[in-house]
Amino acid sequence: MKLENTTEEYLEAIYKLSEENRPTVAGLATCFKISNQSVREKIKNLTREGYLENSKDGIILTDKGSVRAKDVIRKHRLAERFLTDTLGLPWDEVHEDACLFEHIMSEKVADALEKFLNYPENCPHGHPIPDKNGIINEQKHIKLSTLSAGDEAIVARIDESSSALLKSLLSLGILPNSKIEVQQISPFHSAFMIKINGVCCYSIGQDVADKIWVIKGDKRNGR
């Protein structure tokens, strides 16, 4: 994923990392493919500008930082919905183009696009879209890799950073709202044998299972 080291991209990355764990310098360095020292310098600047706060617990967004991060994320995910739903682009090809749209889209355009798309709640990969006030309809999701043999779950969202992963999962029928049944788990959780929508069985590695977030139990669309 190509990223320029802008304020918006840092805040977006920090917000997304915080959805899973506390963001770290090393995690951001991996995301941006730069040195830890470069990340530390940017963190200092963002703290000085009021977007981050000093904390022993790690990197934390201030209210100001959270508002701006959610604004960027909203535009990005609306752009992904437009590119897939309206222009018909595959879900594995829209992430990087949406990264471009998110920085040039005005609030007026974002509001109009949201209305045109009939106020979607999630992006094509299942991630929630903040509304114009920054409110997100969040649910408790867990990684597929934490399930046990015999568990059932519904796919909620999928890490969209890898086009190859998305293309592979699409070919297997693993999409948001798909039903997953864990048939077997290999020793050390290195592979998961899963049934998809009660029909096809496939084996996926732990690295893939870590990028699929689910709602445990057979509960589709909040029902």
Protein backbone atom coordinates (compact mmCIF):
# COMPACT_ATOMS: atom_id res chain seq x y z
CA MET A 1 0.00 0.00 0.00
CA LYS A 2 1.52 3.29 -1.09
CA LEU A 3 1.21 5.98 1.54
CA GLU A 4 2.59 9.47 1.75
CA ASN A 5 3.52 10.65 5.21
CA THR A 6 0.78 13.23 5.59
CA THR A 7 -1.02 14.17 8.77
CA GLU A 8 -4.29 12.69 7.54
CA GLU A 9 -2.71 9.37 6.63
CA TYR A 10 -1.01 9.08 10.02
CA LEU A 11 -4.22 9.86 11.89
CA GLU A 12 -6.15 7.39 9.73
CA ALA A 13 -3.56 4.67 10.32
CA ILE A 14 -3.48 5.32 14.08
CA TYR A 15 -7.27 5.14 14.28
CA LYS A 16 -7.42 1.87 12.33
CA LEU A 17 -4.65 0.30 14.42
CA SER A 18 -6.46 1.34 17.59
CA GLU A 19 -9.49 -0.69 16.49
CA GLU A 20 -7.41 -3.82 17.17
CA ASN A 21 -4.70 -2.92 19.65
CA ARG A 22 -2.86 0.09 20.98
CA PRO A 23 -0.95 1.64 18.04
CA THR A 24 2.83 1.43 18.30
CA VAL A 25 5.77 3.10 16.60
CA ALA A 26 6.78 -0.27 15.14
CA GLY A 27 3.27 -0.87 13.80
CA LEU A 28 3.18 2.50 12.07
CA ALA A 29 6.69 2.00 10.69
CA THR A 30 5.53 -1.29 9.15
CA CYS A 31 2.40 0.35 7.75
CA PHE A 32 4.30 3.20 6.10
CA LYS A 33 7.43 1.17 5.30
CA ILE A 34 9.70 3.73 6.97
CA SER A 35 12.06 3.77 9.94
CA ASN A 36 10.96 3.89 13.57
CA GLN A 37 12.85 7.18 13.93
CA SER A 38 10.86 8.80 11.13
CA VAL A 39 7.64 7.72 12.84
CA ARG A 40 8.81 9.11 16.19
CA GLU A 41 9.49 12.49 14.60
CA LYS A 42 6.02 12.57 13.03
CA ILE A 43 4.43 11.53 16.33
CA LYS A 44 6.18 14.46 18.06
CA ASN A 45 4.84 16.87 15.43
CA LEU A 46 1.29 15.51 15.68
CA THR A 47 1.41 15.76 19.47
CA ARG A 48 2.64 19.34 19.23
CA GLU A 49 -0.25 20.13 16.84
CA GLY A 50 -2.80 18.70 19.28
CA TYR A 51 -3.75 15.56 17.36
CA LEU A 52 -2.13 13.12 19.79
CA GLU A 53 -1.60 13.11 23.53
CA ASN A 54 1.39 12.07 25.58
CA SER A 55 0.63 8.84 27.39
CA LYS A 56 2.49 5.98 29.03
CA ASP A 57 -0.08 3.68 27.40
CA GLY A 58 1.10 4.43 23.88
CA ILE A 59 -0.14 6.51 20.95
CA ILE A 60 -3.57 8.00 21.66
CA LEU A 61 -5.67 10.31 19.48
CA THR A 62 -7.04 13.47 21.09
CA ASP A 63 -10.63 14.49 20.37
CA LYS A 64 -9.25 16.76 17.64
CA GLY A 65 -7.26 13.90 16.15
CA SER A 66 -10.18 11.48 16.31
CA VAL A 67 -12.51 13.92 14.52
CA ARG A 68 -10.07 14.40 11.66
CA ALA A 69 -9.28 10.68 11.42
CA LYS A 70 -12.96 9.74 11.22
CA ASP A 71 -13.53 12.38 8.55
CA VAL A 72 -10.82 10.84 6.35
CA ILE A 73 -12.08 7.32 7.01
CA ARG A 74 -15.64 8.35 6.13
CA LYS A 75 -14.54 9.76 2.77
CA HIS A 76 -12.37 6.73 2.05
CA ARG A 77 -15.12 4.21 2.74
CA LEU A 78 -17.76 6.19 0.86
CA ALA A 79 -15.38 6.31 -2.11
CA GLU A 80 -14.95 2.53 -1.93
CA ARG A 81 -18.72 2.04 -1.93
CA PHE A 82 -19.10 4.34 -4.94
CA LEU A 83 -16.33 2.62 -6.87
CA THR A 84 -17.79 -0.85 -6.28
CA ASP A 85 -21.55 -0.21 -6.21
CA THR A 86 -21.83 2.46 -8.90
CA LEU A 87 -18.79 2.01 -11.14
CA GLY A 88 -18.67 -1.76 -10.76
CA LEU A 89 -14.98 -2.05 -9.87
CA PRO A 90 -13.91 -5.25 -8.05
CA TRP A 91 -13.59 -4.94 -4.27
CA ASP A 92 -9.92 -5.90 -4.46
CA GLU A 93 -9.08 -2.91 -6.70
CA VAL A 94 -10.69 0.05 -4.94
CA HIS A 95 -8.59 0.62 -1.82
CA GLU A 96 -5.73 2.60 -3.34
CA ASP A 97 -8.01 4.74 -5.51
CA ALA A 98 -10.10 5.51 -2.42
CA CYS A 99 -6.87 6.62 -0.70
CA LEU A 100 -6.60 9.32 -3.38
CA PHE A 101 -10.25 10.38 -3.15
CA GLU A 102 -10.18 10.75 0.64
CA HIS A 103 -7.76 13.69 0.50
CA ILE A 104 -9.46 15.71 -2.23
CA MET A 105 -13.14 15.14 -1.38
CA SER A 106 -14.85 18.17 0.17
CA GLU A 107 -17.46 17.88 2.92
CA LYS A 108 -20.12 18.97 0.43
CA VAL A 109 -19.20 16.18 -1.96
CA ALA A 110 -18.99 13.62 0.87
CA ASP A 111 -22.47 14.57 2.06
CA ALA A 112 -23.88 14.36 -1.46
CA LEU A 113 -22.16 11.03 -2.10
CA GLU A 114 -23.47 9.60 1.14
CA LYS A 115 -27.02 10.61 0.16
CA PHE A 116 -26.58 9.27 -3.40
CA LEU A 117 -25.47 5.90 -1.97
CA ASN A 118 -28.49 5.88 0.40
CA TYR A 119 -26.41 6.27 3.57
CA PRO A 120 -24.45 3.00 3.59
CA GLU A 121 -23.35 1.72 6.99
CA ASN A 122 -20.33 -0.28 5.82
CA CYS A 123 -17.69 -0.24 3.12
CA PRO A 124 -17.48 -3.21 0.68
CA HIS A 125 -15.06 -4.93 3.06
CA GLY A 126 -17.43 -4.63 6.02
CA HIS A 127 -15.83 -1.75 7.91
CA PRO A 128 -18.29 0.75 9.43
CA ILE A 129 -18.64 4.17 7.81
CA PRO A 130 -18.74 7.11 10.24
CA ASP A 131 -21.59 9.54 9.66
CA LYS A 132 -20.95 13.25 9.15
CA ASN A 133 -20.91 13.72 12.95
CA GLY A 134 -18.27 11.04 13.42
CA ILE A 135 -20.68 8.51 14.92
CA ILE A 136 -19.83 4.90 14.07
CA ASN A 137 -22.13 1.91 14.48
CA GLU A 138 -19.53 -0.36 16.04
CA GLN A 139 -20.03 -4.00 16.96
CA LYS A 140 -17.93 -6.47 18.88
CA HIS A 141 -15.92 -8.39 16.31
CA ILE A 142 -13.31 -11.09 16.93
CA LYS A 143 -10.70 -12.63 14.68
CA LEU A 144 -11.57 -15.87 12.92
CA SER A 145 -8.28 -17.22 14.27
CA THR A 146 -9.67 -17.09 17.85
CA LEU A 147 -12.54 -19.49 17.11
CA SER A 148 -12.57 -23.14 18.16
CA ALA A 149 -13.55 -26.26 16.22
CA GLY A 150 -17.33 -26.44 16.02
CA ASP A 151 -17.86 -22.69 16.28
CA GLU A 152 -20.11 -20.83 13.85
CA ALA A 153 -19.75 -17.17 12.94
CA ILE A 154 -20.73 -14.53 10.41
CA VAL A 155 -18.01 -12.60 8.55
CA ALA A 156 -18.19 -8.95 9.62
CA ARG A 157 -15.17 -7.29 8.02
CA ILE A 158 -11.95 -8.12 6.23
CA ASP A 159 -8.60 -6.36 6.16
CA GLU A 160 -8.61 -4.52 2.84
CA SER A 161 -4.91 -3.65 2.60
CA SER A 162 -3.97 -6.65 0.43
CA SER A 163 -5.52 -6.87 -3.04
CA ALA A 164 -4.25 -10.43 -3.44
CA LEU A 165 -5.95 -11.50 -0.21
CA LEU A 166 -9.26 -9.92 -1.21
CA LYS A 167 -9.16 -11.57 -4.63
CA SER A 168 -8.43 -14.94 -3.04
CA LEU A 169 -11.20 -14.62 -0.44
CA LEU A 170 -13.69 -13.57 -3.13
CA SER A 171 -12.88 -16.73 -5.09
CA LEU A 172 -13.63 -18.77 -1.94
CA GLY A 173 -16.88 -16.92 -1.28
CA ILE A 174 -15.62 -15.39 1.95
CA LEU A 175 -17.35 -12.00 2.05
CA PRO A 176 -19.04 -9.86 4.70
CA ASN A 177 -22.20 -11.64 5.87
CA SER A 178 -20.96 -15.09 4.81
CA LYS A 179 -21.52 -17.88 7.32
CA ILE A 180 -18.41 -19.66 8.56
CA GLU A 181 -18.33 -23.01 10.37
CA VAL A 182 -14.99 -24.15 11.79
CA GLN A 183 -14.63 -27.85 11.02
CA GLN A 184 -11.10 -28.56 12.24
CA ILE A 185 -8.05 -26.69 13.50
CA SER A 186 -4.55 -28.05 12.95
CA PRO A 187 -2.01 -28.26 15.79
CA PHE A 188 -0.69 -24.85 16.92
CA HIS A 189 -3.59 -23.20 15.01
CA SER A 190 -1.52 -23.11 11.83
CA ALA A 191 -4.51 -23.90 9.60
CA PHE A 192 -8.30 -23.79 9.81
CA MET A 193 -10.65 -26.07 7.92
CA ILE A 194 -13.83 -24.04 7.42
CA LYS A 195 -17.19 -24.54 5.74
CA ILE A 196 -18.59 -21.48 3.95
CA ASN A 197 -22.34 -20.91 3.78
CA GLY A 198 -22.91 -24.56 4.64
CA VAL A 199 -21.48 -25.81 1.35
CA CYS A 200 -17.80 -25.52 0.45
CA CYS A 201 -14.92 -26.51 2.72
CA TYR A 202 -11.52 -24.85 2.49
CA SER A 203 -8.34 -24.72 4.52
CA ILE A 204 -6.91 -21.29 5.33
CA GLY A 205 -3.75 -20.38 7.23
CA GLN A 206 -3.62 -18.49 10.49
CA ASP A 207 -2.23 -15.40 8.73
CA VAL A 208 -5.41 -15.25 6.64
CA ALA A 209 -7.68 -16.07 9.59
CA ASP A 210 -6.12 -13.15 11.47
CA LYS A 211 -7.39 -10.75 8.79
CA ILE A 212 -11.01 -11.95 8.89
CA TRP A 213 -13.18 -10.47 11.65
CA VAL A 214 -16.39 -12.24 12.59
CA ILE A 215 -19.42 -12.10 14.85
CA LYS A 216 -19.63 -15.37 16.73
CA GLY A 217 -22.89 -17.23 16.21
CA ASP A 218 -25.26 -17.36 13.25
CA LYS A 219 -26.45 -13.75 13.38
CA ARG A 220 -26.69 -11.99 10.02
CA ASN A 221 -27.33 -8.27 9.60
CA GLY A 222 -28.00 -7.82 13.31
CA ARG A 223 -30.92 -10.30 13.36
